[in-house]
Amino acid sequence: PDDALHPYGRHIAKIDHGHIRGLEAKPEGKLILVTAISPTPAG
């Protein structure tokens, strides 16, 4: 909800500590990790 946001302009916001605590009872989704080979100047 809007009252759980701390806006930094129109396109950035922080999510309030209280709302984060309120999420703890919710089930968790699937976690996907993205990693890579050893980096090179080629990108």
Full PDB file with SEQRES, HELIX, SHEET, SSBOND, CRYST1, ORIGX, SCALE, CONECT and MASTER records, all heavy atoms in Angstrom:
SEQRES   1 A   43  PRO ASP ASP ALA LEU HIS PRO TYR GLY ARG HIS ILE ALA          
SEQRES   2 A   43  LYS ILE ASP HIS GLY HIS ILE ARG GLY LEU GLU ALA LYS          
SEQRES   3 A   43  PRO GLU GLY LYS LEU ILE LEU VAL THR ALA ILE SER PRO          
SEQRES   4 A   43  THR PRO ALA GLY                                              
HELIX    1 AA1 ASP A    2  ALA A    4  5                                   3    
HELIX    2 AA2 HIS A   17  GLY A   22  1                                   6    
SHEET    1 AA1 2 LEU A   5  PRO A   7  0                                        
SHEET    2 AA1 2 ALA A  13  ILE A  15 -1                                        
CRYST1    1.000    1.000    1.000  90.00  90.00  90.00 P 1           1          
ORIGX1      1.000000  0.000000  0.000000        0.00000                         
ORIGX2      0.000000  1.000000  0.000000        0.00000                         
ORIGX3      0.000000  0.000000  1.000000        0.00000                         
SCALE1      1.000000  0.000000  0.000000        0.00000                         
SCALE2      0.000000  1.000000  0.000000        0.00000                         
SCALE3      0.000000  0.000000  1.000000        0.00000                         
ATOM      1  N   PRO A   1       0.824  -1.216   0.000  1.00  0.00           N  
ATOM      2  CA  PRO A   1       0.000   0.000   0.000  1.00  0.00           C  
ATOM      3  C   PRO A   1       0.854   1.260   0.000  1.00  0.00           C  
ATOM      4  O   PRO A   1       2.048   1.233   0.363  1.00  0.00           O  
ATOM      5  CB  PRO A   1      -0.785  -0.121   1.308  1.00  0.00           C  
ATOM      6  CG  PRO A   1       0.085  -0.955   2.204  1.00  0.00           C  
ATOM      7  CD  PRO A   1       0.803  -1.914   1.299  1.00  0.00           C  
ATOM      8  N   ASP A   2       0.243   2.373  -0.389  1.00  0.00           N  
ATOM      9  CA  ASP A   2       0.971   3.635  -0.462  1.00  0.00           C  
ATOM     10  C   ASP A   2       1.579   4.028   0.873  1.00  0.00           C  
ATOM     11  O   ASP A   2       2.684   4.593   0.918  1.00  0.00           O  
ATOM     12  CB  ASP A   2       0.036   4.760  -0.938  1.00  0.00           C  
ATOM     13  CG  ASP A   2      -0.320   4.631  -2.409  1.00  0.00           C  
ATOM     14  OD1 ASP A   2       0.167   3.680  -3.053  1.00  0.00           O  
ATOM     15  OD2 ASP A   2      -1.092   5.471  -2.907  1.00  0.00           O  
ATOM     16  N   ASP A   3       0.872   3.755   1.972  1.00  0.00           N  
ATOM     17  CA  ASP A   3       1.380   4.204   3.268  1.00  0.00           C  
ATOM     18  C   ASP A   3       2.562   3.369   3.768  1.00  0.00           C  
ATOM     19  O   ASP A   3       3.138   3.663   4.810  1.00  0.00           O  
ATOM     20  CB  ASP A   3       0.272   4.236   4.315  1.00  0.00           C  
ATOM     21  CG  ASP A   3      -0.385   2.878   4.557  1.00  0.00           C  
ATOM     22  OD1 ASP A   3       0.094   1.869   3.997  1.00  0.00           O  
ATOM     23  OD2 ASP A   3      -1.375   2.823   5.309  1.00  0.00           O  
ATOM     24  N   ALA A   4       2.936   2.324   3.026  1.00  0.00           N  
ATOM     25  CA  ALA A   4       4.124   1.538   3.368  1.00  0.00           C  
ATOM     26  C   ALA A   4       5.330   1.976   2.564  1.00  0.00           C  
ATOM     27  O   ALA A   4       6.406   1.372   2.682  1.00  0.00           O  
ATOM     28  CB  ALA A   4       3.856   0.056   3.133  1.00  0.00           C  
ATOM     29  N   LEU A   5       5.176   3.018   1.740  1.00  0.00           N  
ATOM     30  CA  LEU A   5       6.250   3.505   0.881  1.00  0.00           C  
ATOM     31  C   LEU A   5       6.822   4.811   1.402  1.00  0.00           C  
ATOM     32  O   LEU A   5       6.093   5.674   1.898  1.00  0.00           O  
ATOM     33  CB  LEU A   5       5.757   3.714  -0.549  1.00  0.00           C  
ATOM     34  CG  LEU A   5       5.225   2.494  -1.310  1.00  0.00           C  
ATOM     35  CD1 LEU A   5       4.728   2.928  -2.674  1.00  0.00           C  
ATOM     36  CD2 LEU A   5       6.298   1.422  -1.442  1.00  0.00           C  
ATOM     37  N   HIS A   6       8.120   4.964   1.267  1.00  0.00           N  
ATOM     38  CA  HIS A   6       8.801   6.230   1.515  1.00  0.00           C  
ATOM     39  C   HIS A   6       9.396   6.676   0.182  1.00  0.00           C  
ATOM     40  O   HIS A   6      10.483   6.242  -0.197  1.00  0.00           O  
ATOM     41  CB  HIS A   6       9.891   6.066   2.568  1.00  0.00           C  
ATOM     42  CG  HIS A   6       9.385   5.625   3.902  1.00  0.00           C  
ATOM     43  ND1 HIS A   6       8.868   6.492   4.844  1.00  0.00           N  
ATOM     44  CD2 HIS A   6       9.290   4.381   4.453  1.00  0.00           C  
ATOM     45  CE1 HIS A   6       8.498   5.819   5.912  1.00  0.00           C  
ATOM     46  NE2 HIS A   6       8.729   4.532   5.697  1.00  0.00           N  
ATOM     47  N   PRO A   7       8.667   7.517  -0.573  1.00  0.00           N  
ATOM     48  CA  PRO A   7       9.094   7.848  -1.939  1.00  0.00           C  
ATOM     49  C   PRO A   7      10.353   8.723  -1.985  1.00  0.00           C  
ATOM     50  O   PRO A   7      10.542   9.600  -1.153  1.00  0.00           O  
ATOM     51  CB  PRO A   7       7.890   8.601  -2.512  1.00  0.00           C  
ATOM     52  CG  PRO A   7       6.755   8.310  -1.585  1.00  0.00           C  
ATOM     53  CD  PRO A   7       7.378   8.106  -0.243  1.00  0.00           C  
ATOM     54  N   TYR A   8      11.186   8.439  -2.978  1.00  0.00           N  
ATOM     55  CA  TYR A   8      12.312   9.290  -3.343  1.00  0.00           C  
ATOM     56  C   TYR A   8      12.025   9.741  -4.774  1.00  0.00           C  
ATOM     57  O   TYR A   8      12.524   9.168  -5.737  1.00  0.00           O  
ATOM     58  CB  TYR A   8      13.625   8.514  -3.267  1.00  0.00           C  
ATOM     59  CG  TYR A   8      14.142   8.296  -1.867  1.00  0.00           C  
ATOM     60  CD1 TYR A   8      13.471   7.461  -0.978  1.00  0.00           C  
ATOM     61  CD2 TYR A   8      15.297   8.936  -1.419  1.00  0.00           C  
ATOM     62  CE1 TYR A   8      13.933   7.269   0.311  1.00  0.00           C  
ATOM     63  CE2 TYR A   8      15.771   8.746  -0.129  1.00  0.00           C  
ATOM     64  CZ  TYR A   8      15.083   7.914   0.731  1.00  0.00           C  
ATOM     65  OH  TYR A   8      15.548   7.720   2.012  1.00  0.00           O  
ATOM     66  N   GLY A   9      11.169  10.756  -4.924  1.00  0.00           N  
ATOM     67  CA  GLY A   9      10.696  11.139  -6.240  1.00  0.00           C  
ATOM     68  C   GLY A   9       9.561  10.232  -6.682  1.00  0.00           C  
ATOM     69  O   GLY A   9       8.926   9.549  -5.879  1.00  0.00           O  
ATOM     70  N   ARG A  10       9.314  10.191  -8.005  1.00  0.00           N  
ATOM     71  CA  ARG A  10       8.164   9.451  -8.534  1.00  0.00           C  
ATOM     72  C   ARG A  10       8.477   7.995  -8.854  1.00  0.00           C  
ATOM     73  O   ARG A  10       7.574   7.186  -9.015  1.00  0.00           O  
ATOM     74  CB  ARG A  10       7.634  10.143  -9.803  1.00  0.00           C  
ATOM     75  CG  ARG A  10       7.102  11.554  -9.565  1.00  0.00           C  
ATOM     76  CD  ARG A  10       6.463  12.126 -10.821  1.00  0.00           C  
ATOM     77  NE  ARG A  10       5.239  11.412 -11.179  1.00  0.00           N  
ATOM     78  CZ  ARG A  10       5.093  10.685 -12.279  1.00  0.00           C  
ATOM     79  NH1 ARG A  10       6.099  10.544 -13.132  1.00  0.00           N  
ATOM     80  NH2 ARG A  10       3.941  10.082 -12.540  1.00  0.00           N  
ATOM     81  N   HIS A  11       9.770   7.634  -8.945  1.00  0.00           N  
ATOM     82  CA  HIS A  11      10.109   6.320  -9.477  1.00  0.00           C  
ATOM     83  C   HIS A  11      10.969   5.466  -8.557  1.00  0.00           C  
ATOM     84  O   HIS A  11      11.434   4.396  -8.957  1.00  0.00           O  
ATOM     85  CB  HIS A  11      10.819   6.489 -10.834  1.00  0.00           C  
ATOM     86  CG  HIS A  11      10.004   7.268 -11.814  1.00  0.00           C  
ATOM     87  ND1 HIS A  11      10.451   8.444 -12.374  1.00  0.00           N  
ATOM     88  CD2 HIS A  11       8.762   7.059 -12.307  1.00  0.00           C  
ATOM     89  CE1 HIS A  11       9.518   8.924 -13.192  1.00  0.00           C  
ATOM     90  NE2 HIS A  11       8.487   8.112 -13.173  1.00  0.00           N  
ATOM     91  N   ILE A  12      11.203   5.931  -7.337  1.00  0.00           N  
ATOM     92  CA  ILE A  12      12.000   5.191  -6.357  1.00  0.00           C  
ATOM     93  C   ILE A  12      11.291   5.304  -5.011  1.00  0.00           C  
ATOM     94  O   ILE A  12      10.787   6.373  -4.657  1.00  0.00           O  
ATOM     95  CB  ILE A  12      13.426   5.765  -6.223  1.00  0.00           C  
ATOM     96  CG1 ILE A  12      14.170   5.720  -7.559  1.00  0.00           C  
ATOM     97  CG2 ILE A  12      14.227   5.027  -5.150  1.00  0.00           C  
ATOM     98  CD1 ILE A  12      15.500   6.488  -7.543  1.00  0.00           C  
ATOM     99  N   ALA A  13      11.272   4.211  -4.267  1.00  0.00           N  
ATOM    100  CA  ALA A  13      10.705   4.275  -2.914  1.00  0.00           C  
ATOM    101  C   ALA A  13      11.362   3.230  -2.042  1.00  0.00           C  
ATOM    102  O   ALA A  13      11.795   2.173  -2.510  1.00  0.00           O  
ATOM    103  CB  ALA A  13       9.194   4.060  -2.940  1.00  0.00           C  
ATOM    104  N   LYS A  14      11.425   3.527  -0.759  1.00  0.00           N  
ATOM    105  CA  LYS A  14      11.807   2.534   0.229  1.00  0.00           C  
ATOM    106  C   LYS A  14      10.540   1.904   0.820  1.00  0.00           C  
ATOM    107  O   LYS A  14       9.501   2.564   0.917  1.00  0.00           O  
ATOM    108  CB  LYS A  14      12.656   3.162   1.340  1.00  0.00           C  
ATOM    109  CG  LYS A  14      14.107   3.392   0.919  1.00  0.00           C  
ATOM    110  CD  LYS A  14      14.959   3.825   2.084  1.00  0.00           C  
ATOM    111  CE  LYS A  14      16.432   3.756   1.724  1.00  0.00           C  
ATOM    112  NZ  LYS A  14      16.909   2.373   1.590  1.00  0.00           N  
ATOM    113  N   ILE A  15      10.649   0.637   1.188  1.00  0.00           N  
ATOM    114  CA  ILE A  15       9.522  -0.087   1.783  1.00  0.00           C  
ATOM    115  C   ILE A  15       9.694  -0.069   3.294  1.00  0.00           C  
ATOM    116  O   ILE A  15      10.746  -0.446   3.821  1.00  0.00           O  
ATOM    117  CB  ILE A  15       9.452  -1.531   1.261  1.00  0.00           C  
ATOM    118  CG1 ILE A  15       9.418  -1.546  -0.269  1.00  0.00           C  
ATOM    119  CG2 ILE A  15       8.237  -2.249   1.834  1.00  0.00           C  
ATOM    120  CD1 ILE A  15       9.490  -2.936  -0.872  1.00  0.00           C  
ATOM    121  N   ASP A  16       8.672   0.340   3.980  1.00  0.00           N  
ATOM    122  CA  ASP A  16       8.720   0.572   5.417  1.00  0.00           C  
ATOM    123  C   ASP A  16       9.050  -0.703   6.203  1.00  0.00           C  
ATOM    124  O   ASP A  16       8.623  -1.806   5.850  1.00  0.00           O  
ATOM    125  CB  ASP A  16       7.364   1.119   5.878  1.00  0.00           C  
ATOM    126  CG  ASP A  16       7.371   1.552   7.319  1.00  0.00           C  
ATOM    127  OD1 ASP A  16       7.918   2.625   7.612  1.00  0.00           O  
ATOM    128  OD2 ASP A  16       6.850   0.790   8.161  1.00  0.00           O  
ATOM    129  N   HIS A  17       9.796  -0.526   7.299  1.00  0.00           N  
ATOM    130  CA  HIS A  17      10.144  -1.659   8.162  1.00  0.00           C  
ATOM    131  C   HIS A  17       8.899  -2.418   8.625  1.00  0.00           C  
ATOM    132  O   HIS A  17       8.884  -3.651   8.682  1.00  0.00           O  
ATOM    133  CB  HIS A  17      10.904  -1.170   9.403  1.00  0.00           C  
ATOM    134  CG  HIS A  17      12.313  -0.758   9.134  1.00  0.00           C  
ATOM    135  ND1 HIS A  17      13.249  -1.619   8.621  1.00  0.00           N  
ATOM    136  CD2 HIS A  17      12.947   0.435   9.341  1.00  0.00           C  
ATOM    137  CE1 HIS A  17      14.413  -0.982   8.515  1.00  0.00           C  
ATOM    138  NE2 HIS A  17      14.255   0.261   8.929  1.00  0.00           N  
ATOM    139  N   GLY A  18       7.857  -1.658   8.976  1.00  0.00           N  
ATOM    140  CA  GLY A  18       6.641  -2.304   9.476  1.00  0.00           C  
ATOM    141  C   GLY A  18       6.007  -3.224   8.449  1.00  0.00           C  
ATOM    142  O   GLY A  18       5.540  -4.326   8.783  1.00  0.00           O  
ATOM    143  N   HIS A  19       5.985  -2.809   7.200  1.00  0.00           N  
ATOM    144  CA  HIS A  19       5.404  -3.662   6.156  1.00  0.00           C  
ATOM    145  C   HIS A  19       6.278  -4.892   5.935  1.00  0.00           C  
ATOM    146  O   HIS A  19       5.739  -5.993   5.713  1.00  0.00           O  
ATOM    147  CB  HIS A  19       5.266  -2.882   4.850  1.00  0.00           C  
ATOM    148  CG  HIS A  19       4.509  -3.623   3.795  1.00  0.00           C  
ATOM    149  ND1 HIS A  19       3.142  -3.754   3.814  1.00  0.00           N  
ATOM    150  CD2 HIS A  19       4.933  -4.324   2.703  1.00  0.00           C  
ATOM    151  CE1 HIS A  19       2.745  -4.474   2.776  1.00  0.00           C  
ATOM    152  NE2 HIS A  19       3.814  -4.837   2.099  1.00  0.00           N  
ATOM    153  N   ILE A  20       7.597  -4.731   5.997  1.00  0.00           N  
ATOM    154  CA  ILE A  20       8.492  -5.884   5.847  1.00  0.00           C  
ATOM    155  C   ILE A  20       8.229  -6.903   6.955  1.00  0.00           C  
ATOM    156  O   ILE A  20       8.151  -8.117   6.696  1.00  0.00           O  
ATOM    157  CB  ILE A  20       9.968  -5.425   5.881  1.00  0.00           C  
ATOM    158  CG1 ILE A  20      10.280  -4.496   4.693  1.00  0.00           C  
ATOM    159  CG2 ILE A  20      10.899  -6.631   5.889  1.00  0.00           C  
ATOM    160  CD1 ILE A  20      10.172  -5.125   3.344  1.00  0.00           C  
ATOM    161  N   ARG A  21       8.059  -6.432   8.203  1.00  0.00           N  
ATOM    162  CA  ARG A  21       7.757  -7.357   9.308  1.00  0.00           C  
ATOM    163  C   ARG A  21       6.438  -8.069   9.080  1.00  0.00           C  
ATOM    164  O   ARG A  21       6.279  -9.247   9.402  1.00  0.00           O  
ATOM    165  CB  ARG A  21       7.716  -6.600  10.637  1.00  0.00           C  
ATOM    166  CG  ARG A  21       9.079  -6.200  11.167  1.00  0.00           C  
ATOM    167  CD  ARG A  21       8.980  -5.760  12.619  1.00  0.00           C  
ATOM    168  NE  ARG A  21       8.112  -4.596  12.785  1.00  0.00           N  
ATOM    169  CZ  ARG A  21       8.529  -3.336  12.712  1.00  0.00           C  
ATOM    170  NH1 ARG A  21       9.803  -3.072  12.460  1.00  0.00           N  
ATOM    171  NH2 ARG A  21       7.680  -2.341  12.880  1.00  0.00           N  
ATOM    172  N   GLY A  22       5.474  -7.368   8.496  1.00  0.00           N  
ATOM    173  CA  GLY A  22       4.159  -7.951   8.265  1.00  0.00           C  
ATOM    174  C   GLY A  22       4.143  -9.045   7.215  1.00  0.00           C  
ATOM    175  O   GLY A  22       3.164  -9.785   7.096  1.00  0.00           O  
ATOM    176  N   LEU A  23       5.230  -9.161   6.440  1.00  0.00           N  
ATOM    177  CA  LEU A  23       5.308 -10.187   5.398  1.00  0.00           C  
ATOM    178  C   LEU A  23       5.765 -11.541   5.936  1.00  0.00           C  
ATOM    179  O   LEU A  23       5.698 -12.540   5.218  1.00  0.00           O  
ATOM    180  CB  LEU A  23       6.282  -9.743   4.300  1.00  0.00           C  
ATOM    181  CG  LEU A  23       5.939  -8.477   3.507  1.00  0.00           C  
ATOM    182  CD1 LEU A  23       7.113  -8.110   2.593  1.00  0.00           C  
ATOM    183  CD2 LEU A  23       4.680  -8.682   2.684  1.00  0.00           C  
ATOM    184  N   GLU A  24       6.236 -11.581   7.179  1.00  0.00           N  
ATOM    185  CA  GLU A  24       6.917 -12.777   7.673  1.00  0.00           C  
ATOM    186  C   GLU A  24       6.040 -14.017   7.693  1.00  0.00           C  
ATOM    187  O   GLU A  24       6.535 -15.140   7.602  1.00  0.00           O  
ATOM    188  CB  GLU A  24       7.496 -12.505   9.064  1.00  0.00           C  
ATOM    189  CG  GLU A  24       8.659 -11.514   9.030  1.00  0.00           C  
ATOM    190  CD  GLU A  24       9.201 -11.190  10.413  1.00  0.00           C  
ATOM    191  OE1 GLU A  24       8.678 -11.775  11.398  1.00  0.00           O  
ATOM    192  OE2 GLU A  24      10.125 -10.363  10.512  1.00  0.00           O  
ATOM    193  N   ALA A  25       4.729 -13.846   7.812  1.00  0.00           N  
ATOM    194  CA  ALA A  25       3.844 -15.009   7.868  1.00  0.00           C  
ATOM    195  C   ALA A  25       3.516 -15.564   6.480  1.00  0.00           C  
ATOM    196  O   ALA A  25       2.945 -16.651   6.365  1.00  0.00           O  
ATOM    197  CB  ALA A  25       2.548 -14.639   8.589  1.00  0.00           C  
ATOM    198  N   LYS A  26       3.874 -14.834   5.428  1.00  0.00           N  
ATOM    199  CA  LYS A  26       3.538 -15.267   4.075  1.00  0.00           C  
ATOM    200  C   LYS A  26       4.461 -16.391   3.604  1.00  0.00           C  
ATOM    201  O   LYS A  26       5.631 -16.450   3.984  1.00  0.00           O  
ATOM    202  CB  LYS A  26       3.644 -14.086   3.087  1.00  0.00           C  
ATOM    203  CG  LYS A  26       2.539 -13.056   3.234  1.00  0.00           C  
ATOM    204  CD  LYS A  26       2.570 -12.109   2.050  1.00  0.00           C  
ATOM    205  CE  LYS A  26       1.332 -11.224   2.021  1.00  0.00           C  
ATOM    206  NZ  LYS A  26       1.276 -10.420   0.786  1.00  0.00           N  
ATOM    207  N   PRO A  27       3.962 -17.290   2.756  1.00  0.00           N  
ATOM    208  CA  PRO A  27       4.841 -18.332   2.193  1.00  0.00           C  
ATOM    209  C   PRO A  27       5.859 -17.715   1.244  1.00  0.00           C  
ATOM    210  O   PRO A  27       5.631 -16.650   0.665  1.00  0.00           O  
ATOM    211  CB  PRO A  27       3.863 -19.250   1.449  1.00  0.00           C  
ATOM    212  CG  PRO A  27       2.685 -18.384   1.139  1.00  0.00           C  
ATOM    213  CD  PRO A  27       2.571 -17.412   2.273  1.00  0.00           C  
ATOM    214  N   GLU A  28       6.985 -18.403   1.060  1.00  0.00           N  
ATOM    215  CA  GLU A  28       8.044 -17.897   0.205  1.00  0.00           C  
ATOM    216  C   GLU A  28       7.968 -18.503  -1.186  1.00  0.00           C  
ATOM    217  O   GLU A  28       7.583 -19.655  -1.355  1.00  0.00           O  
ATOM    218  CB  GLU A  28       9.418 -18.195   0.819  1.00  0.00           C  
ATOM    219  CG  GLU A  28       9.676 -17.430   2.110  1.00  0.00           C  
ATOM    220  CD  GLU A  28      11.115 -17.552   2.569  1.00  0.00           C  
ATOM    221  OE1 GLU A  28      11.830 -18.438   2.056  1.00  0.00           O  
ATOM    222  OE2 GLU A  28      11.528 -16.756   3.436  1.00  0.00           O  
ATOM    223  N   GLY A  29       8.340 -17.697  -2.171  1.00  0.00           N  
ATOM    224  CA  GLY A  29       8.381 -18.164  -3.549  1.00  0.00           C  
ATOM    225  C   GLY A  29       9.667 -18.919  -3.850  1.00  0.00           C  
ATOM    226  O   GLY A  29      10.409 -19.327  -2.955  1.00  0.00           O  
ATOM    227  N   LYS A  30       9.935 -19.092  -5.127  1.00  0.00           N  
ATOM    228  CA  LYS A  30      11.113 -19.831  -5.593  1.00  0.00           C  
ATOM    229  C   LYS A  30      12.273 -18.870  -5.799  1.00  0.00           C  
ATOM    230  O   LYS A  30      12.123 -17.812  -6.424  1.00  0.00           O  
ATOM    231  CB  LYS A  30      10.807 -20.536  -6.919  1.00  0.00           C  
ATOM    232  CG  LYS A  30       9.579 -21.446  -6.886  1.00  0.00           C  
ATOM    233  CD  LYS A  30       9.885 -22.763  -6.224  1.00  0.00           C  
ATOM    234  CE  LYS A  30       8.723 -23.727  -6.385  1.00  0.00           C  
ATOM    235  NZ  LYS A  30       9.023 -25.059  -5.805  1.00  0.00           N  
ATOM    236  N   LEU A  31      13.444 -19.249  -5.301  1.00  0.00           N  
ATOM    237  CA  LEU A  31      14.633 -18.413  -5.407  1.00  0.00           C  
ATOM    238  C   LEU A  31      15.528 -18.915  -6.539  1.00  0.00           C  
ATOM    239  O   LEU A  31      15.895 -20.096  -6.576  1.00  0.00           O  
ATOM    240  CB  LEU A  31      15.400 -18.430  -4.088  1.00  0.00           C  
ATOM    241  CG  LEU A  31      16.679 -17.583  -4.016  1.00  0.00           C  
ATOM    242  CD1 LEU A  31      16.387 -16.116  -4.295  1.00  0.00           C  
ATOM    243  CD2 LEU A  31      17.335 -17.739  -2.646  1.00  0.00           C  
ATOM    244  N   ILE A  32      15.883 -18.013  -7.442  1.00  0.00           N  
ATOM    245  CA  ILE A  32      16.725 -18.343  -8.592  1.00  0.00           C  
ATOM    246  C   ILE A  32      17.986 -17.482  -8.521  1.00  0.00           C  
ATOM    247  O   ILE A  32      17.903 -16.251  -8.445  1.00  0.00           O  
ATOM    248  CB  ILE A  32      15.984 -18.087  -9.915  1.00  0.00           C  
ATOM    249  CG1 ILE A  32      14.757 -18.994 -10.005  1.00  0.00           C  
ATOM    250  CG2 ILE A  32      16.900 -18.306 -11.108  1.00  0.00           C  
ATOM    251  CD1 ILE A  32      13.605 -18.377 -10.743  1.00  0.00           C  
ATOM    252  N   LEU A  33      19.132 -18.124  -8.535  1.00  0.00           N  
ATOM    253  CA  LEU A  33      20.415 -17.424  -8.481  1.00  0.00           C  
ATOM    254  C   LEU A  33      21.012 -17.319  -9.877  1.00  0.00           C  
ATOM    255  O   LEU A  33      21.067 -18.303 -10.609  1.00  0.00           O  
ATOM    256  CB  LEU A  33      21.390 -18.173  -7.572  1.00  0.00           C  
ATOM    257  CG  LEU A  33      22.832 -17.644  -7.562  1.00  0.00           C  
ATOM    258  CD1 LEU A  33      22.901 -16.254  -6.939  1.00  0.00           C  
ATOM    259  CD2 LEU A  33      23.756 -18.604  -6.832  1.00  0.00           C  
ATOM    260  N   VAL A  34      21.485 -16.123 -10.225  1.00  0.00           N  
ATOM    261  CA  VAL A  34      22.216 -15.905 -11.472  1.00  0.00           C  
ATOM    262  C   VAL A  34      23.675 -15.643 -11.132  1.00  0.00           C  
ATOM    263  O   VAL A  34      23.996 -14.739 -10.358  1.00  0.00           O  
ATOM    264  CB  VAL A  34      21.636 -14.721 -12.271  1.00  0.00           C  
ATOM    265  CG1 VAL A  34      22.439 -14.497 -13.551  1.00  0.00           C  
ATOM    266  CG2 VAL A  34      20.171 -14.967 -12.610  1.00  0.00           C  
ATOM    267  N   THR A  35      24.556 -16.457 -11.704  1.00  0.00           N  
ATOM    268  CA  THR A  35      25.988 -16.289 -11.523  1.00  0.00           C  
ATOM    269  C   THR A  35      26.643 -16.355 -12.906  1.00  0.00           C  
ATOM    270  O   THR A  35      25.940 -16.244 -13.916  1.00  0.00           O  
ATOM    271  CB  THR A  35      26.537 -17.349 -10.540  1.00  0.00           C  
ATOM    272  OG1 THR A  35      27.943 -17.112 -10.324  1.00  0.00           O  
ATOM    273  CG2 THR A  35      26.339 -18.757 -11.063  1.00  0.00           C  
ATOM    274  N   ALA A  36      27.958 -16.521 -12.980  1.00  0.00           N  
ATOM    275  CA  ALA A  36      28.607 -16.402 -14.294  1.00  0.00           C  
ATOM    276  C   ALA A  36      29.939 -17.133 -14.299  1.00  0.00           C  
ATOM    277  O   ALA A  36      30.435 -17.598 -13.274  1.00  0.00           O  
ATOM    278  CB  ALA A  36      28.832 -14.930 -14.640  1.00  0.00           C  
ATOM    279  N   ILE A  37      30.517 -17.196 -15.498  1.00  0.00           N  
ATOM    280  CA  ILE A  37      31.885 -17.682 -15.665  1.00  0.00           C  
ATOM    281  C   ILE A  37      32.845 -16.611 -15.137  1.00  0.00           C  
ATOM    282  O   ILE A  37      32.426 -15.514 -14.748  1.00  0.00           O  
ATOM    283  CB  ILE A  37      32.191 -18.004 -17.140  1.00  0.00           C  
ATOM    284  CG1 ILE A  37      32.062 -16.737 -18.013  1.00  0.00           C  
ATOM    285  CG2 ILE A  37      31.273 -19.098 -17.654  1.00  0.00           C  
ATOM    286  CD1 ILE A  37      32.520 -16.935 -19.452  1.00  0.00           C  
ATOM    287  N   SER A  38      34.129 -16.905 -15.114  1.00  0.00           N  
ATOM    288  CA  SER A  38      35.124 -15.916 -14.679  1.00  0.00           C  
ATOM    289  C   SER A  38      35.091 -14.722 -15.627  1.00  0.00           C  
ATOM    290  O   SER A  38      35.192 -14.888 -16.850  1.00  0.00           O  
ATOM    291  CB  SER A  38      36.519 -16.540 -14.671  1.00  0.00           C  
ATOM    292  OG  SER A  38      36.564 -17.676 -13.829  1.00  0.00           O  
ATOM    293  N   PRO A  39      34.943 -13.514 -15.104  1.00  0.00           N  
ATOM    294  CA  PRO A  39      34.769 -12.344 -15.978  1.00  0.00           C  
ATOM    295  C   PRO A  39      36.006 -12.036 -16.813  1.00  0.00           C  
ATOM    296  O   PRO A  39      37.132 -12.332 -16.410  1.00  0.00           O  
ATOM    297  CB  PRO A  39      34.463 -11.210 -14.995  1.00  0.00           C  
ATOM    298  CG  PRO A  39      35.004 -11.676 -13.689  1.00  0.00           C  
ATOM    299  CD  PRO A  39      34.866 -13.160 -13.685  1.00  0.00           C  
ATOM    300  N   THR A  40      35.753 -11.445 -17.968  1.00  0.00           N  
ATOM    301  CA  THR A  40      36.814 -11.048 -18.903  1.00  0.00           C  
ATOM    302  C   THR A  40      36.520  -9.647 -19.420  1.00  0.00           C  
ATOM    303  O   THR A  40      35.387  -9.154 -19.283  1.00  0.00           O  
ATOM    304  CB  THR A  40      36.865 -12.000 -20.114  1.00  0.00           C  
ATOM    305  OG1 THR A  40      35.688 -11.781 -20.909  1.00  0.00           O  
ATOM    306  CG2 THR A  40      36.938 -13.456 -19.688  1.00  0.00           C  
ATOM    307  N   PRO A  41      37.478  -8.992 -20.048  1.00  0.00           N  
ATOM    308  CA  PRO A  41      37.202  -7.688 -20.676  1.00  0.00           C  
ATOM    309  C   PRO A  41      36.184  -7.772 -21.808  1.00  0.00           C  
ATOM    310  O   PRO A  41      35.671  -6.739 -22.255  1.00  0.00           O  
ATOM    311  CB  PRO A  41      38.576  -7.261 -21.203  1.00  0.00           C  
ATOM    312  CG  PRO A  41      39.558  -7.995 -20.364  1.00  0.00           C  
ATOM    313  CD  PRO A  41      38.918  -9.313 -20.064  1.00  0.00           C  
ATOM    314  N   ALA A  42      35.865  -8.993 -22.276  1.00  0.00           N  
ATOM    315  CA  ALA A  42      34.888  -9.143 -23.355  1.00  0.00           C  
ATOM    316  C   ALA A  42      33.457  -8.946 -22.865  1.00  0.00           C  
ATOM    317  O   ALA A  42      32.554  -8.715 -23.660  1.00  0.00           O  
ATOM    318  CB  ALA A  42      35.027 -10.531 -23.990  1.00  0.00           C  
ATOM    319  N   GLY A  43      33.233  -9.073 -21.570  1.00  0.00           N  
ATOM    320  CA  GLY A  43      31.900  -8.873 -21.017  1.00  0.00           C  
ATOM    321  C   GLY A  43      31.077 -10.141 -20.985  1.00  0.00           C  
ATOM    322  O   GLY A  43      31.138 -10.961 -21.899  1.00  0.00           O  
TER     323      GLY A  43                                                      
MASTER        0    0    0    2    2    0    0    6  322    1    0    4          
END                                                                             
